[in-house]
Amino acid sequence: MRLPLITLVLVAACSNDPNHTGNPLGLPMSGASSVFGSAAYTKRRGEVEVIVKSNFDAIRTDIRAGGGPVLTKAMDAAGIPERDRPTRIIQLQSDSALYNSTPGALVTALMVYGG
């Protein structure tokens, strides 16, 4: 009696329907990829933060001008696709009041645009 019940529970756990945990058999791999993905994101964010905070006045000038070398370097580090950059620069210009005193907000915006 127990074997059919255990089999039923295991088979039900392998459903293809969406759920919050995903396939339980894939949890070890998804956990490992999450750790590596998080480490890569943290490294990328650190690079963007160094660029922005080290060149804060220059990057604000680049944003006002519609582009420039420091902004390009920060966008490269954040992973913002080339095709998206003109739109993102316009967004940065329209939100420039947020970034004038808070470099962290600019770092966050660049990281969000980079995905």
PDB file of N, CA and C in Angstrom:
ATOM      1  N   MET A   1       0.816  -1.186   0.000  1.00  0.00           N
ATOM      2  CA  MET A   1       0.000   0.000   0.000  1.00  0.00           C
ATOM      3  C   MET A   1       0.871   1.267   0.000  1.00  0.00           C
ATOM      4  N   ARG A   2       1.988   1.232   0.686  1.00  0.00           N
ATOM      5  CA  ARG A   2       2.851   2.408   0.769  1.00  0.00           C
ATOM      6  C   ARG A   2       3.555   2.688  -0.553  1.00  0.00           C
ATOM      7  N   LEU A   3       3.993   1.662  -1.258  1.00  0.00           N
ATOM      8  CA  LEU A   3       4.725   1.846  -2.505  1.00  0.00           C
ATOM      9  C   LEU A   3       3.903   2.607  -3.556  1.00  0.00           C
ATOM     10  N   PRO A   4       2.635   2.285  -3.788  1.00  0.00           N
ATOM     11  CA  PRO A   4       1.862   3.074  -4.757  1.00  0.00           C
ATOM     12  C   PRO A   4       1.699   4.538  -4.309  1.00  0.00           C
ATOM     13  N   LEU A   5       1.546   4.761  -3.020  1.00  0.00           N
ATOM     14  CA  LEU A   5       1.393   6.122  -2.509  1.00  0.00           C
ATOM     15  C   LEU A   5       2.679   6.926  -2.695  1.00  0.00           C
ATOM     16  N   ILE A   6       3.806   6.314  -2.404  1.00  0.00           N
ATOM     17  CA  ILE A   6       5.100   6.979  -2.589  1.00  0.00           C
ATOM     18  C   ILE A   6       5.334   7.256  -4.069  1.00  0.00           C
ATOM     19  N   THR A   7       5.026   6.307  -4.915  1.00  0.00           N
ATOM     20  CA  THR A   7       5.181   6.493  -6.360  1.00  0.00           C
ATOM     21  C   THR A   7       4.306   7.635  -6.849  1.00  0.00           C
ATOM     22  N   LEU A   8       3.080   7.706  -6.380  1.00  0.00           N
ATOM     23  CA  LEU A   8       2.163   8.774  -6.764  1.00  0.00           C
ATOM     24  C   LEU A   8       2.699  10.141  -6.350  1.00  0.00           C
ATOM     25  N   VAL A   9       3.224  10.254  -5.162  1.00  0.00           N
ATOM     26  CA  VAL A   9       3.790  11.515  -4.681  1.00  0.00           C
ATOM     27  C   VAL A   9       4.993  11.925  -5.516  1.00  0.00           C
ATOM     28  N   LEU A  10       5.875  10.993  -5.833  1.00  0.00           N
ATOM     29  CA  LEU A  10       7.059  11.305  -6.630  1.00  0.00           C
ATOM     30  C   LEU A  10       6.691  11.711  -8.057  1.00  0.00           C
ATOM     31  N   VAL A  11       5.745  11.026  -8.645  1.00  0.00           N
ATOM     32  CA  VAL A  11       5.320  11.357 -10.005  1.00  0.00           C
ATOM     33  C   VAL A  11       4.629  12.723 -10.022  1.00  0.00           C
ATOM     34  N   ALA A  12       3.833  13.019  -9.028  1.00  0.00           N
ATOM     35  CA  ALA A  12       3.146  14.311  -8.952  1.00  0.00           C
ATOM     36  C   ALA A  12       4.151  15.446  -8.789  1.00  0.00           C
ATOM     37  N   ALA A  13       5.263  15.183  -8.137  1.00  0.00           N
ATOM     38  CA  ALA A  13       6.284  16.211  -7.941  1.00  0.00           C
ATOM     39  C   ALA A  13       6.986  16.569  -9.243  1.00  0.00           C
ATOM     40  N   CYS A  14       6.891  15.726 -10.252  1.00  0.00           N
ATOM     41  CA  CYS A  14       7.554  15.959 -11.534  1.00  0.00           C
ATOM     42  C   CYS A  14       6.630  16.602 -12.555  1.00  0.00           C
ATOM     43  N   SER A  15       5.625  17.265 -12.122  1.00  0.00           N
ATOM     44  CA  SER A  15       4.662  17.907 -13.016  1.00  0.00           C
ATOM     45  C   SER A  15       5.313  18.996 -13.856  1.00  0.00           C
ATOM     46  N   ASN A  16       4.796  19.229 -15.044  1.00  0.00           N
ATOM     47  CA  ASN A  16       5.273  20.308 -15.907  1.00  0.00           C
ATOM     48  C   ASN A  16       4.543  21.610 -15.658  1.00  0.00           C
ATOM     49  N   ASP A  17       3.568  21.594 -14.770  1.00  0.00           N
ATOM     50  CA  ASP A  17       2.821  22.809 -14.466  1.00  0.00           C
ATOM     51  C   ASP A  17       3.705  23.806 -13.736  1.00  0.00           C
ATOM     52  N   PRO A  18       3.503  25.110 -13.966  1.00  0.00           N
ATOM     53  CA  PRO A  18       4.316  26.113 -13.277  1.00  0.00           C
ATOM     54  C   PRO A  18       4.047  26.113 -11.775  1.00  0.00           C
ATOM     55  N   ASN A  19       5.095  26.302 -11.031  1.00  0.00           N
ATOM     56  CA  ASN A  19       4.968  26.434  -9.580  1.00  0.00           C
ATOM     57  C   ASN A  19       6.130  27.282  -9.072  1.00  0.00           C
ATOM     58  N   HIS A  20       6.108  27.624  -7.827  1.00  0.00           N
ATOM     59  CA  HIS A  20       7.118  28.537  -7.292  1.00  0.00           C
ATOM     60  C   HIS A  20       8.488  27.905  -7.096  1.00  0.00           C
ATOM     61  N   THR A  21       8.573  26.600  -7.020  1.00  0.00           N
ATOM     62  CA  THR A  21       9.879  25.971  -6.796  1.00  0.00           C
ATOM     63  C   THR A  21      10.477  25.363  -8.045  1.00  0.00           C
ATOM     64  N   GLY A  22       9.689  25.170  -9.076  1.00  0.00           N
ATOM     65  CA  GLY A  22      10.208  24.527 -10.273  1.00  0.00           C
ATOM     66  C   GLY A  22      10.255  23.026 -10.090  1.00  0.00           C
ATOM     67  N   ASN A  23      10.902  22.365 -10.991  1.00  0.00           N
ATOM     68  CA  ASN A  23      11.036  20.914 -10.923  1.00  0.00           C
ATOM     69  C   ASN A  23      11.984  20.562  -9.780  1.00  0.00           C
ATOM     70  N   PRO A  24      11.530  19.740  -8.826  1.00  0.00           N
ATOM     71  CA  PRO A  24      12.385  19.411  -7.677  1.00  0.00           C
ATOM     72  C   PRO A  24      13.667  18.683  -8.063  1.00  0.00           C
ATOM     73  N   LEU A  25      13.660  17.975  -9.190  1.00  0.00           N
ATOM     74  CA  LEU A  25      14.862  17.274  -9.609  1.00  0.00           C
ATOM     75  C   LEU A  25      15.928  18.244 -10.123  1.00  0.00           C
ATOM     76  N   GLY A  26      15.510  19.446 -10.494  1.00  0.00           N
ATOM     77  CA  GLY A  26      16.451  20.438 -10.995  1.00  0.00           C
ATOM     78  C   GLY A  26      16.938  21.417  -9.941  1.00  0.00           C
ATOM     79  N   LEU A  27      16.478  21.282  -8.709  1.00  0.00           N
ATOM     80  CA  LEU A  27      16.855  22.231  -7.663  1.00  0.00           C
ATOM     81  C   LEU A  27      18.364  22.321  -7.410  1.00  0.00           C
ATOM     82  N   PRO A  28      19.103  21.207  -7.390  1.00  0.00           N
ATOM     83  CA  PRO A  28      20.551  21.359  -7.175  1.00  0.00           C
ATOM     84  C   PRO A  28      21.226  22.202  -8.255  1.00  0.00           C
ATOM     85  N   MET A  29      20.820  22.024  -9.504  1.00  0.00           N
ATOM     86  CA  MET A  29      21.428  22.803 -10.586  1.00  0.00           C
ATOM     87  C   MET A  29      20.981  24.259 -10.543  1.00  0.00           C
ATOM     88  N   SER A  30      19.694  24.497 -10.257  1.00  0.00           N
ATOM     89  CA  SER A  30      19.227  25.883 -10.221  1.00  0.00           C
ATOM     90  C   SER A  30      19.876  26.629  -9.054  1.00  0.00           C
ATOM     91  N   GLY A  31      20.124  25.926  -7.956  1.00  0.00           N
ATOM     92  CA  GLY A  31      20.810  26.557  -6.837  1.00  0.00           C
ATOM     93  C   GLY A  31      22.240  26.924  -7.186  1.00  0.00           C
ATOM     94  N   ALA A  32      22.933  26.031  -7.878  1.00  0.00           N
ATOM     95  CA  ALA A  32      24.314  26.297  -8.287  1.00  0.00           C
ATOM     96  C   ALA A  32      24.363  27.445  -9.289  1.00  0.00           C
ATOM     97  N   SER A  33      23.450  27.459 -10.254  1.00  0.00           N
ATOM     98  CA  SER A  33      23.460  28.539 -11.245  1.00  0.00           C
ATOM     99  C   SER A  33      23.101  29.866 -10.599  1.00  0.00           C
ATOM    100  N   SER A  34      22.267  29.831  -9.579  1.00  0.00           N
ATOM    101  CA  SER A  34      21.916  31.057  -8.860  1.00  0.00           C
ATOM    102  C   SER A  34      23.137  31.637  -8.144  1.00  0.00           C
ATOM    103  N   VAL A  35      23.935  30.772  -7.541  1.00  0.00           N
ATOM    104  CA  VAL A  35      25.145  31.227  -6.854  1.00  0.00           C
ATOM    105  C   VAL A  35      26.124  31.843  -7.841  1.00  0.00           C
ATOM    106  N   PHE A  36      26.347  31.173  -8.970  1.00  0.00           N
ATOM    107  CA  PHE A  36      27.283  31.699  -9.968  1.00  0.00           C
ATOM    108  C   PHE A  36      26.750  32.965 -10.612  1.00  0.00           C
ATOM    109  N   GLY A  37      25.438  33.006 -10.875  1.00  0.00           N
ATOM    110  CA  GLY A  37      24.827  34.196 -11.449  1.00  0.00           C
ATOM    111  C   GLY A  37      24.930  35.377 -10.511  1.00  0.00           C
ATOM    112  N   SER A  38      24.741  35.134  -9.230  1.00  0.00           N
ATOM    113  CA  SER A  38      24.838  36.190  -8.228  1.00  0.00           C
ATOM    114  C   SER A  38      26.267  36.716  -8.127  1.00  0.00           C
ATOM    115  N   ALA A  39      27.236  35.834  -8.200  1.00  0.00           N
ATOM    116  CA  ALA A  39      28.637  36.253  -8.133  1.00  0.00           C
ATOM    117  C   ALA A  39      29.005  37.098  -9.348  1.00  0.00           C
ATOM    118  N   ALA A  40      28.513  36.710 -10.518  1.00  0.00           N
ATOM    119  CA  ALA A  40      28.795  37.471 -11.739  1.00  0.00           C
ATOM    120  C   ALA A  40      28.139  38.848 -11.665  1.00  0.00           C
ATOM    121  N   TYR A  41      26.911  38.900 -11.176  1.00  0.00           N
ATOM    122  CA  TYR A  41      26.209  40.175 -11.030  1.00  0.00           C
ATOM    123  C   TYR A  41      26.950  41.085 -10.053  1.00  0.00           C
ATOM    124  N   THR A  42      27.372  40.540  -8.938  1.00  0.00           N
ATOM    125  CA  THR A  42      28.077  41.322  -7.924  1.00  0.00           C
ATOM    126  C   THR A  42      29.379  41.887  -8.487  1.00  0.00           C
ATOM    127  N   LYS A  43      30.094  41.089  -9.255  1.00  0.00           N
ATOM    128  CA  LYS A  43      31.336  41.553  -9.876  1.00  0.00           C
ATOM    129  C   LYS A  43      31.061  42.689 -10.861  1.00  0.00           C
ATOM    130  N   ARG A  44      30.048  42.492 -11.711  1.00  0.00           N
ATOM    131  CA  ARG A  44      29.683  43.513 -12.689  1.00  0.00           C
ATOM    132  C   ARG A  44      29.249  44.808 -12.002  1.00  0.00           C
ATOM    133  N   ARG A  45      28.436  44.678 -10.964  1.00  0.00           N
ATOM    134  CA  ARG A  45      27.967  45.858 -10.234  1.00  0.00           C
ATOM    135  C   ARG A  45      29.136  46.585  -9.588  1.00  0.00           C
ATOM    136  N   GLY A  46      30.092  45.850  -9.064  1.00  0.00           N
ATOM    137  CA  GLY A  46      31.276  46.467  -8.467  1.00  0.00           C
ATOM    138  C   GLY A  46      32.068  47.272  -9.482  1.00  0.00           C
ATOM    139  N   GLU A  47      32.201  46.733 -10.696  1.00  0.00           N
ATOM    140  CA  GLU A  47      32.911  47.452 -11.758  1.00  0.00           C
ATOM    141  C   GLU A  47      32.180  48.745 -12.123  1.00  0.00           C
ATOM    142  N   VAL A  48      30.855  48.659 -12.249  1.00  0.00           N
ATOM    143  CA  VAL A  48      30.055  49.848 -12.584  1.00  0.00           C
ATOM    144  C   VAL A  48      30.169  50.882 -11.463  1.00  0.00           C
ATOM    145  N   GLU A  49      30.114  50.425 -10.236  1.00  0.00           N
ATOM    146  CA  GLU A  49      30.188  51.338  -9.092  1.00  0.00           C
ATOM    147  C   GLU A  49      31.522  52.076  -9.053  1.00  0.00           C
ATOM    148  N   VAL A  50      32.613  51.371  -9.315  1.00  0.00           N
ATOM    149  CA  VAL A  50      33.931  52.009  -9.328  1.00  0.00           C
ATOM    150  C   VAL A  50      33.994  53.073 -10.430  1.00  0.00           C
ATOM    151  N   ILE A  51      33.490  52.742 -11.614  1.00  0.00           N
ATOM    152  CA  ILE A  51      33.510  53.696 -12.726  1.00  0.00           C
ATOM    153  C   ILE A  51      32.686  54.928 -12.386  1.00  0.00           C
ATOM    154  N   VAL A  52      31.477  54.724 -11.891  1.00  0.00           N
ATOM    155  CA  VAL A  52      30.579  55.849 -11.598  1.00  0.00           C
ATOM    156  C   VAL A  52      31.132  56.711 -10.476  1.00  0.00           C
ATOM    157  N   LYS A  53      31.527  56.102  -9.383  1.00  0.00           N
ATOM    158  CA  LYS A  53      31.969  56.890  -8.222  1.00  0.00           C
ATOM    159  C   LYS A  53      33.329  57.545  -8.447  1.00  0.00           C
ATOM    160  N   SER A  54      34.187  56.928  -9.255  1.00  0.00           N
ATOM    161  CA  SER A  54      35.502  57.520  -9.531  1.00  0.00           C
ATOM    162  C   SER A  54      35.423  58.668 -10.524  1.00  0.00           C
ATOM    163  N   ASN A  55      34.388  58.683 -11.340  1.00  0.00           N
ATOM    164  CA  ASN A  55      34.260  59.673 -12.409  1.00  0.00           C
ATOM    165  C   ASN A  55      32.889  60.340 -12.376  1.00  0.00           C
ATOM    166  N   PHE A  56      32.385  60.615 -11.178  1.00  0.00           N
ATOM    167  CA  PHE A  56      31.001  61.050 -11.038  1.00  0.00           C
ATOM    168  C   PHE A  56      30.706  62.341 -11.803  1.00  0.00           C
ATOM    169  N   ASP A  57      31.569  63.340 -11.684  1.00  0.00           N
ATOM    170  CA  ASP A  57      31.324  64.599 -12.407  1.00  0.00           C
ATOM    171  C   ASP A  57      31.388  64.393 -13.918  1.00  0.00           C
ATOM    172  N   ALA A  58      32.347  63.605 -14.375  1.00  0.00           N
ATOM    173  CA  ALA A  58      32.496  63.355 -15.809  1.00  0.00           C
ATOM    174  C   ALA A  58      31.317  62.569 -16.368  1.00  0.00           C
ATOM    175  N   ILE A  59      30.813  61.610 -15.617  1.00  0.00           N
ATOM    176  CA  ILE A  59      29.691  60.811 -16.121  1.00  0.00           C
ATOM    177  C   ILE A  59      28.417  61.651 -16.173  1.00  0.00           C
ATOM    178  N   ARG A  60      28.241  62.550 -15.207  1.00  0.00           N
ATOM    179  CA  ARG A  60      27.078  63.452 -15.264  1.00  0.00           C
ATOM    180  C   ARG A  60      27.175  64.384 -16.470  1.00  0.00           C
ATOM    181  N   THR A  61      28.391  64.838 -16.782  1.00  0.00           N
ATOM    182  CA  THR A  61      28.605  65.665 -17.976  1.00  0.00           C
ATOM    183  C   THR A  61      28.282  64.869 -19.233  1.00  0.00           C
ATOM    184  N   ASP A  62      28.716  63.603 -19.277  1.00  0.00           N
ATOM    185  CA  ASP A  62      28.432  62.737 -20.429  1.00  0.00           C
ATOM    186  C   ASP A  62      26.928  62.533 -20.605  1.00  0.00           C
ATOM    187  N   ILE A  63      26.217  62.374 -19.510  1.00  0.00           N
ATOM    188  CA  ILE A  63      24.757  62.186 -19.585  1.00  0.00           C
ATOM    189  C   ILE A  63      24.101  63.436 -20.164  1.00  0.00           C
ATOM    190  N   ARG A  64      24.493  64.601 -19.659  1.00  0.00           N
ATOM    191  CA  ARG A  64      23.929  65.860 -20.179  1.00  0.00           C
ATOM    192  C   ARG A  64      24.245  66.043 -21.658  1.00  0.00           C
ATOM    193  N   ALA A  65      25.433  65.602 -22.082  1.00  0.00           N
ATOM    194  CA  ALA A  65      25.868  65.770 -23.475  1.00  0.00           C
ATOM    195  C   ALA A  65      25.275  64.721 -24.407  1.00  0.00           C
ATOM    196  N   GLY A  66      24.607  63.720 -23.864  1.00  0.00           N
ATOM    197  CA  GLY A  66      24.037  62.676 -24.700  1.00  0.00           C
ATOM    198  C   GLY A  66      24.995  61.533 -24.995  1.00  0.00           C
ATOM    199  N   GLY A  67      26.076  61.462 -24.237  1.00  0.00           N
ATOM    200  CA  GLY A  67      27.052  60.384 -24.398  1.00  0.00           C
ATOM    201  C   GLY A  67      28.454  60.881 -24.164  1.00  0.00           C
ATOM    202  N   GLY A  68      29.376  59.957 -24.022  1.00  0.00           N
ATOM    203  CA  GLY A  68      30.771  60.300 -23.792  1.00  0.00           C
ATOM    204  C   GLY A  68      31.539  59.081 -23.336  1.00  0.00           C
ATOM    205  N   PRO A  69      32.849  59.209 -23.210  1.00  0.00           N
ATOM    206  CA  PRO A  69      33.683  58.042 -22.919  1.00  0.00           C
ATOM    207  C   PRO A  69      33.427  57.383 -21.564  1.00  0.00           C
ATOM    208  N   VAL A  70      33.182  58.177 -20.552  1.00  0.00           N
ATOM    209  CA  VAL A  70      32.966  57.583 -19.223  1.00  0.00           C
ATOM    210  C   VAL A  70      31.612  56.885 -19.167  1.00  0.00           C
ATOM    211  N   LEU A  71      30.599  57.504 -19.730  1.00  0.00           N
ATOM    212  CA  LEU A  71      29.278  56.876 -19.773  1.00  0.00           C
ATOM    213  C   LEU A  71      29.327  55.590 -20.595  1.00  0.00           C
ATOM    214  N   THR A  72      30.033  55.607 -21.705  1.00  0.00           N
ATOM    215  CA  THR A  72      30.183  54.410 -22.532  1.00  0.00           C
ATOM    216  C   THR A  72      30.868  53.301 -21.748  1.00  0.00           C
ATOM    217  N   LYS A  73      31.911  53.645 -21.014  1.00  0.00           N
ATOM    218  CA  LYS A  73      32.634  52.653 -20.205  1.00  0.00           C
ATOM    219  C   LYS A  73      31.708  52.053 -19.141  1.00  0.00           C
ATOM    220  N   ALA A  74      30.898  52.898 -18.496  1.00  0.00           N
ATOM    221  CA  ALA A  74      29.967  52.410 -17.471  1.00  0.00           C
ATOM    222  C   ALA A  74      28.888  51.523 -18.089  1.00  0.00           C
ATOM    223  N   MET A  75      28.399  51.916 -19.256  1.00  0.00           N
ATOM    224  CA  MET A  75      27.375  51.112 -19.937  1.00  0.00           C
ATOM    225  C   MET A  75      27.948  49.776 -20.410  1.00  0.00           C
ATOM    226  N   ASP A  76      29.190  49.777 -20.856  1.00  0.00           N
ATOM    227  CA  ASP A  76      29.856  48.531 -21.225  1.00  0.00           C
ATOM    228  C   ASP A  76      29.942  47.601 -20.016  1.00  0.00           C
ATOM    229  N   ALA A  77      30.375  48.140 -18.899  1.00  0.00           N
ATOM    230  CA  ALA A  77      30.519  47.336 -17.682  1.00  0.00           C
ATOM    231  C   ALA A  77      29.170  46.812 -17.187  1.00  0.00           C
ATOM    232  N   ALA A  78      28.116  47.614 -17.355  1.00  0.00           N
ATOM    233  CA  ALA A  78      26.782  47.206 -16.909  1.00  0.00           C
ATOM    234  C   ALA A  78      26.144  46.202 -17.862  1.00  0.00           C
ATOM    235  N   GLY A  79      26.697  46.090 -19.073  1.00  0.00           N
ATOM    236  CA  GLY A  79      26.146  45.149 -20.042  1.00  0.00           C
ATOM    237  C   GLY A  79      24.934  45.675 -20.791  1.00  0.00           C
ATOM    238  N   ILE A  80      24.849  46.988 -20.940  1.00  0.00           N
ATOM    239  CA  ILE A  80      23.723  47.577 -21.666  1.00  0.00           C
ATOM    240  C   ILE A  80      23.971  47.388 -23.163  1.00  0.00           C
ATOM    241  N   PRO A  81      23.036  46.747 -23.860  1.00  0.00           N
ATOM    242  CA  PRO A  81      23.219  46.523 -25.299  1.00  0.00           C
ATOM    243  C   PRO A  81      23.347  47.842 -26.067  1.00  0.00           C
ATOM    244  N   GLU A  82      24.181  47.841 -27.097  1.00  0.00           N
ATOM    245  CA  GLU A  82      24.419  49.040 -27.916  1.00  0.00           C
ATOM    246  C   GLU A  82      23.120  49.622 -28.455  1.00  0.00           C
ATOM    247  N   ARG A  83      22.217  48.759 -28.910  1.00  0.00           N
ATOM    248  CA  ARG A  83      20.974  49.231 -29.524  1.00  0.00           C
ATOM    249  C   ARG A  83      20.060  49.947 -28.527  1.00  0.00           C
ATOM    250  N   ASP A  84      20.219  49.659 -27.230  1.00  0.00           N
ATOM    251  CA  ASP A  84      19.380  50.273 -26.200  1.00  0.00           C
ATOM    252  C   ASP A  84      19.944  51.586 -25.668  1.00  0.00           C
ATOM    253  N   ARG A  85      21.187  51.865 -25.939  1.00  0.00           N
ATOM    254  CA  ARG A  85      21.863  52.993 -25.298  1.00  0.00           C
ATOM    255  C   ARG A  85      21.248  54.358 -25.592  1.00  0.00           C
ATOM    256  N   PRO A  86      20.863  54.669 -26.825  1.00  0.00           N
ATOM    257  CA  PRO A  86      20.254  55.987 -27.045  1.00  0.00           C
ATOM    258  C   PRO A  86      19.004  56.213 -26.180  1.00  0.00           C
ATOM    259  N   THR A  87      18.173  55.189 -26.069  1.00  0.00           N
ATOM    260  CA  THR A  87      16.970  55.288 -25.235  1.00  0.00           C
ATOM    261  C   THR A  87      17.345  55.429 -23.765  1.00  0.00           C
ATOM    262  N   ARG A  88      18.313  54.664 -23.331  1.00  0.00           N
ATOM    263  CA  ARG A  88      18.731  54.720 -21.917  1.00  0.00           C
ATOM    264  C   ARG A  88      19.352  56.067 -21.577  1.00  0.00           C
ATOM    265  N   ILE A  89      20.073  56.662 -22.506  1.00  0.00           N
ATOM    266  CA  ILE A  89      20.658  57.989 -22.253  1.00  0.00           C
ATOM    267  C   ILE A  89      19.549  59.021 -22.082  1.00  0.00           C
ATOM    268  N   ILE A  90      18.521  58.938 -22.907  1.00  0.00           N
ATOM    269  CA  ILE A  90      17.379  59.851 -22.756  1.00  0.00           C
ATOM    270  C   ILE A  90      16.724  59.659 -21.395  1.00  0.00           C
ATOM    271  N   GLN A  91      16.586  58.406 -20.957  1.00  0.00           N
ATOM    272  CA  GLN A  91      16.014  58.138 -19.635  1.00  0.00           C
ATOM    273  C   GLN A  91      16.901  58.705 -18.531  1.00  0.00           C
ATOM    274  N   LEU A  92      18.203  58.538 -18.674  1.00  0.00           N
ATOM    275  CA  LEU A  92      19.122  59.085 -17.672  1.00  0.00           C
ATOM    276  C   LEU A  92      19.036  60.611 -17.630  1.00  0.00           C
ATOM    277  N   GLN A  93      18.920  61.238 -18.804  1.00  0.00           N
ATOM    278  CA  GLN A  93      18.792  62.693 -18.862  1.00  0.00           C
ATOM    279  C   GLN A  93      17.515  63.153 -18.176  1.00  0.00           C
ATOM    280  N   SER A  94      16.419  62.451 -18.406  1.00  0.00           N
ATOM    281  CA  SER A  94      15.154  62.872 -17.806  1.00  0.00           C
ATOM    282  C   SER A  94      15.130  62.651 -16.291  1.00  0.00           C
ATOM    283  N   ASP A  95      15.942  61.734 -15.798  1.00  0.00           N
ATOM    284  CA  ASP A  95      16.010  61.476 -14.355  1.00  0.00           C
ATOM    285  C   ASP A  95      17.268  62.053 -13.721  1.00  0.00           C
ATOM    286  N   SER A  96      17.918  62.991 -14.386  1.00  0.00           N
ATOM    287  CA  SER A  96      19.214  63.493 -13.905  1.00  0.00           C
ATOM    288  C   SER A  96      19.150  64.105 -12.511  1.00  0.00           C
ATOM    289  N   ALA A  97      18.021  64.634 -12.126  1.00  0.00           N
ATOM    290  CA  ALA A  97      17.900  65.205 -10.778  1.00  0.00           C
ATOM    291  C   ALA A  97      18.134  64.137  -9.705  1.00  0.00           C
ATOM    292  N   LEU A  98      17.765  62.914 -10.007  1.00  0.00           N
ATOM    293  CA  LEU A  98      17.977  61.816  -9.047  1.00  0.00           C
ATOM    294  C   LEU A  98      19.456  61.501  -8.867  1.00  0.00           C
ATOM    295  N   TYR A  99      20.214  61.643  -9.963  1.00  0.00           N
ATOM    296  CA  TYR A  99      21.600  61.202  -9.950  1.00  0.00           C
ATOM    297  C   TYR A  99      22.588  62.298  -9.574  1.00  0.00           C
ATOM    298  N   ASN A 100      22.157  63.542  -9.518  1.00  0.00           N
ATOM    299  CA  ASN A 100      23.081  64.625  -9.231  1.00  0.00           C
ATOM    300  C   ASN A 100      23.731  64.512  -7.855  1.00  0.00           C
ATOM    301  N   SER A 101      23.009  63.963  -6.902  1.00  0.00           N
ATOM    302  CA  SER A 101      23.574  63.856  -5.563  1.00  0.00           C
ATOM    303  C   SER A 101      23.715  62.410  -5.083  1.00  0.00           C
ATOM    304  N   THR A 102      23.272  61.458  -5.889  1.00  0.00           N
ATOM    305  CA  THR A 102      23.288  60.071  -5.444  1.00  0.00           C
ATOM    306  C   THR A 102      23.904  59.157  -6.494  1.00  0.00           C
ATOM    307  N   PRO A 103      25.207  58.938  -6.431  1.00  0.00           N
ATOM    308  CA  PRO A 103      25.830  58.040  -7.403  1.00  0.00           C
ATOM    309  C   PRO A 103      25.284  56.616  -7.328  1.00  0.00           C
ATOM    310  N   GLY A 104      24.857  56.186  -6.156  1.00  0.00           N
ATOM    311  CA  GLY A 104      24.312  54.835  -6.003  1.00  0.00           C
ATOM    312  C   GLY A 104      23.059  54.625  -6.833  1.00  0.00           C
ATOM    313  N   ALA A 105      22.243  55.667  -6.958  1.00  0.00           N
ATOM    314  CA  ALA A 105      21.034  55.573  -7.774  1.00  0.00           C
ATOM    315  C   ALA A 105      21.400  55.407  -9.247  1.00  0.00           C
ATOM    316  N   LEU A 106      22.451  56.085  -9.676  1.00  0.00           N
ATOM    317  CA  LEU A 106      22.910  55.952 -11.058  1.00  0.00           C
ATOM    318  C   LEU A 106      23.447  54.540 -11.304  1.00  0.00           C
ATOM    319  N   VAL A 107      24.182  54.008 -10.369  1.00  0.00           N
ATOM    320  CA  VAL A 107      24.707  52.646 -10.490  1.00  0.00           C
ATOM    321  C   VAL A 107      23.535  51.663 -10.621  1.00  0.00           C
ATOM    322  N   THR A 108      22.543  51.826  -9.779  1.00  0.00           N
ATOM    323  CA  THR A 108      21.380  50.947  -9.820  1.00  0.00           C
ATOM    324  C   THR A 108      20.657  51.040 -11.159  1.00  0.00           C
ATOM    325  N   ALA A 109      20.461  52.262 -11.651  1.00  0.00           N
ATOM    326  CA  ALA A 109      19.789  52.440 -12.945  1.00  0.00           C
ATOM    327  C   ALA A 109      20.574  51.751 -14.063  1.00  0.00           C
ATOM    328  N   LEU A 110      21.873  51.919 -14.084  1.00  0.00           N
ATOM    329  CA  LEU A 110      22.696  51.285 -15.123  1.00  0.00           C
ATOM    330  C   LEU A 110      22.597  49.763 -15.041  1.00  0.00           C
ATOM    331  N   MET A 111      22.603  49.234 -13.840  1.00  0.00           N
ATOM    332  CA  MET A 111      22.511  47.780 -13.673  1.00  0.00           C
ATOM    333  C   MET A 111      21.144  47.258 -14.112  1.00  0.00           C
ATOM    334  N   VAL A 112      20.089  48.008 -13.838  1.00  0.00           N
ATOM    335  CA  VAL A 112      18.764  47.598 -14.271  1.00  0.00           C
ATOM    336  C   VAL A 112      18.697  47.614 -15.796  1.00  0.00           C
ATOM    337  N   TYR A 113      19.241  48.653 -16.416  1.00  0.00           N
ATOM    338  CA  TYR A 113      19.226  48.731 -17.871  1.00  0.00           C
ATOM    339  C   TYR A 113      20.065  47.607 -18.491  1.00  0.00           C
ATOM    340  N   GLY A 114      21.103  47.179 -17.802  1.00  0.00           N
ATOM    341  CA  GLY A 114      21.950  46.106 -18.308  1.00  0.00           C
ATOM    342  C   GLY A 114      21.354  44.729 -18.152  1.00  0.00           C
ATOM    343  N   GLY A 115      20.362  44.625 -17.287  1.00  0.00           N
ATOM    344  CA  GLY A 115      19.690  43.331 -17.127  1.00  0.00           C
ATOM    345  C   GLY A 115      20.291  42.428 -16.135  1.00  0.00           C
TER     346      GLY A 115
END
